[in-house]
N, C-alpha and C. Protein backbone atom coordinates (compact mmCIF):
# COMPACT_ATOMS: atom_id res chain seq x y z
N MET A 1 96.23 92.56 94.87
CA MET A 1 94.86 92.64 94.44
C MET A 1 94.04 93.28 95.56
N PRO A 2 93.27 94.31 95.26
CA PRO A 2 92.47 94.97 96.28
C PRO A 2 91.37 94.05 96.82
N LYS A 3 91.03 94.25 98.05
CA LYS A 3 89.97 93.46 98.67
C LYS A 3 88.62 94.00 98.22
N SER A 4 87.62 93.13 98.21
CA SER A 4 86.28 93.56 97.80
C SER A 4 85.62 94.34 98.93
N ALA A 5 84.62 95.10 98.58
CA ALA A 5 83.90 95.90 99.56
C ALA A 5 83.21 95.00 100.58
N ALA A 6 82.69 93.87 100.14
CA ALA A 6 82.01 92.96 101.06
C ALA A 6 82.98 92.42 102.11
N LEU A 7 84.20 92.11 101.70
CA LEU A 7 85.19 91.61 102.64
C LEU A 7 85.59 92.68 103.64
N ILE A 8 85.77 93.90 103.18
CA ILE A 8 86.14 95.00 104.07
C ILE A 8 85.00 95.27 105.05
N LYS A 9 83.75 95.22 104.58
CA LYS A 9 82.61 95.43 105.47
C LYS A 9 82.55 94.35 106.55
N ARG A 10 82.83 93.12 106.18
CA ARG A 10 82.82 92.02 107.16
C ARG A 10 83.93 92.22 108.19
N GLN A 11 85.11 92.61 107.74
CA GLN A 11 86.21 92.88 108.66
C GLN A 11 85.86 94.03 109.61
N LEU A 12 85.18 95.04 109.08
CA LEU A 12 84.78 96.18 109.90
C LEU A 12 83.76 95.76 110.95
N GLU A 13 82.82 94.90 110.58
CA GLU A 13 81.85 94.40 111.56
C GLU A 13 82.55 93.66 112.69
N LEU A 14 83.51 92.82 112.35
CA LEU A 14 84.25 92.07 113.37
C LEU A 14 85.08 93.00 114.26
N ALA A 15 85.66 94.03 113.65
CA ALA A 15 86.46 94.98 114.42
C ALA A 15 85.57 95.77 115.38
N LYS A 16 84.36 96.10 114.95
CA LYS A 16 83.44 96.83 115.83
C LYS A 16 82.98 95.96 116.99
N VAL A 17 82.82 94.66 116.76
CA VAL A 17 82.47 93.74 117.84
C VAL A 17 83.60 93.69 118.86
N LYS A 18 84.83 93.63 118.38
CA LYS A 18 85.99 93.62 119.28
C LYS A 18 86.07 94.92 120.06
N LEU A 19 85.82 96.05 119.41
CA LEU A 19 85.84 97.34 120.08
C LEU A 19 84.78 97.40 121.17
N ALA A 20 83.59 96.89 120.88
CA ALA A 20 82.52 96.88 121.88
C ALA A 20 82.91 96.01 123.08
N ALA A 21 83.58 94.90 122.82
CA ALA A 21 84.02 94.03 123.92
C ALA A 21 85.05 94.74 124.79
N VAL A 22 85.96 95.45 124.17
CA VAL A 22 86.98 96.19 124.92
C VAL A 22 86.31 97.31 125.72
N GLU A 23 85.34 97.99 125.12
CA GLU A 23 84.65 99.08 125.81
C GLU A 23 83.88 98.56 127.02
N SER A 24 83.34 97.35 126.93
CA SER A 24 82.58 96.81 128.06
C SER A 24 83.50 96.47 129.23
N ASN A 25 84.80 96.28 128.97
CA ASN A 25 85.75 95.94 130.02
C ASN A 25 86.49 97.15 130.58
N LEU A 26 86.11 98.35 130.19
CA LEU A 26 86.83 99.54 130.64
C LEU A 26 86.58 99.87 132.11
N ASN A 27 85.40 99.56 132.62
CA ASN A 27 85.06 99.80 134.03
C ASN A 27 85.32 101.23 134.46
N GLY A 28 84.83 102.18 133.69
CA GLY A 28 84.95 103.58 134.06
C GLY A 28 86.25 104.25 133.68
N MET A 29 87.18 103.53 133.07
CA MET A 29 88.44 104.13 132.64
C MET A 29 88.20 105.02 131.42
N VAL A 30 89.09 105.97 131.22
CA VAL A 30 89.04 106.82 130.03
C VAL A 30 89.53 105.97 128.84
N PRO A 31 88.70 105.83 127.79
CA PRO A 31 89.09 104.95 126.68
C PRO A 31 90.41 105.32 126.03
N LYS A 32 90.67 106.60 125.87
CA LYS A 32 91.89 107.02 125.17
C LYS A 32 93.16 106.65 125.93
N LYS A 33 93.05 106.34 127.20
CA LYS A 33 94.23 105.98 127.98
C LYS A 33 94.44 104.47 128.04
N ASN A 34 93.54 103.71 127.46
CA ASN A 34 93.63 102.26 127.46
C ASN A 34 94.24 101.79 126.14
N PRO A 35 95.38 101.10 126.17
CA PRO A 35 96.02 100.69 124.92
C PRO A 35 95.20 99.69 124.11
N ASN A 36 94.44 98.84 124.77
CA ASN A 36 93.60 97.88 124.04
C ASN A 36 92.49 98.60 123.27
N TRP A 37 91.90 99.62 123.92
CA TRP A 37 90.86 100.39 123.24
C TRP A 37 91.44 101.16 122.06
N ARG A 38 92.62 101.76 122.26
CA ARG A 38 93.24 102.53 121.17
C ARG A 38 93.53 101.63 119.97
N GLU A 39 94.00 100.43 120.23
CA GLU A 39 94.31 99.50 119.13
C GLU A 39 93.03 99.10 118.39
N ALA A 40 92.00 98.74 119.14
CA ALA A 40 90.74 98.32 118.51
C ALA A 40 90.09 99.48 117.76
N ASN A 41 90.15 100.68 118.34
CA ASN A 41 89.57 101.85 117.69
C ASN A 41 90.33 102.20 116.41
N SER A 42 91.64 102.13 116.45
CA SER A 42 92.42 102.47 115.26
C SER A 42 92.18 101.46 114.15
N HIS A 43 91.97 100.20 114.51
CA HIS A 43 91.68 99.18 113.50
C HIS A 43 90.34 99.47 112.82
N CYS A 44 89.33 99.87 113.62
CA CYS A 44 88.03 100.24 113.05
C CYS A 44 88.17 101.44 112.11
N LYS A 45 88.89 102.45 112.55
CA LYS A 45 89.07 103.65 111.73
C LYS A 45 89.79 103.33 110.42
N GLN A 46 90.80 102.46 110.51
CA GLN A 46 91.55 102.08 109.31
C GLN A 46 90.65 101.37 108.31
N LEU A 47 89.83 100.46 108.78
CA LEU A 47 88.92 99.74 107.89
C LEU A 47 87.86 100.66 107.31
N GLU A 48 87.39 101.63 108.11
CA GLU A 48 86.42 102.59 107.60
C GLU A 48 87.03 103.41 106.46
N ARG A 49 88.28 103.83 106.64
CA ARG A 49 88.95 104.60 105.58
C ARG A 49 89.17 103.75 104.33
N ARG A 50 89.51 102.48 104.51
CA ARG A 50 89.67 101.59 103.35
C ARG A 50 88.37 101.43 102.59
N LEU A 51 87.28 101.27 103.34
CA LEU A 51 85.97 101.11 102.70
C LEU A 51 85.58 102.38 101.95
N GLU A 52 85.82 103.54 102.55
CA GLU A 52 85.53 104.80 101.87
C GLU A 52 86.36 104.95 100.60
N ALA A 53 87.63 104.60 100.68
CA ALA A 53 88.50 104.71 99.50
C ALA A 53 88.05 103.73 98.42
N HIS A 54 87.68 102.54 98.82
CA HIS A 54 87.22 101.54 97.85
C HIS A 54 85.95 102.01 97.17
N THR A 55 85.03 102.57 97.95
CA THR A 55 83.77 103.06 97.40
C THR A 55 84.02 104.24 96.46
N ALA A 56 84.91 105.13 96.85
CA ALA A 56 85.21 106.29 96.01
C ALA A 56 85.89 105.87 94.71
N GLN A 57 86.73 104.86 94.79
CA GLN A 57 87.45 104.39 93.61
C GLN A 57 86.49 103.73 92.61
N ARG A 58 85.56 102.97 93.13
CA ARG A 58 84.61 102.25 92.28
C ARG A 58 83.44 103.10 91.84
N GLY A 59 83.19 104.19 92.54
CA GLY A 59 82.00 104.99 92.27
C GLY A 59 80.96 104.68 93.33
N SER A 60 80.09 105.60 93.60
CA SER A 60 79.16 105.45 94.72
C SER A 60 78.14 104.34 94.51
N GLY A 61 77.74 104.05 93.30
CA GLY A 61 76.70 103.06 93.07
C GLY A 61 77.19 101.65 92.85
N SER A 62 78.38 101.47 92.33
CA SER A 62 78.83 100.13 91.95
C SER A 62 79.21 99.28 93.14
N ALA A 63 79.61 99.85 94.27
CA ALA A 63 79.97 99.06 95.45
C ALA A 63 78.74 98.38 96.02
N ASP A 64 77.57 99.04 95.95
CA ASP A 64 76.36 98.43 96.44
C ASP A 64 75.92 97.29 95.54
N ASN A 65 76.10 97.43 94.25
CA ASN A 65 75.71 96.40 93.30
C ASN A 65 76.63 95.19 93.38
N GLU A 66 77.83 95.36 93.84
CA GLU A 66 78.80 94.28 93.91
C GLU A 66 78.36 93.19 94.87
N GLU A 67 77.65 93.57 95.94
CA GLU A 67 77.24 92.61 96.95
C GLU A 67 76.13 91.71 96.46
N GLU A 68 75.28 92.18 95.58
CA GLU A 68 74.11 91.43 95.15
C GLU A 68 74.44 90.28 94.24
């Protein structure tokens, strides 16, 4: 069963918080060379793609109405 748009949005918010925490601990390092940053960034990107696919599948207007 596919996840709802609201659940994916919540997961994306949490993933972005984790990414921000990892970025704050970089101390001048290049993000792409840090495995923790790459993992957190890829998780954000994956959730963004899922949300886009879910929105496209449902239509542009119905995903917004689902939350209300």
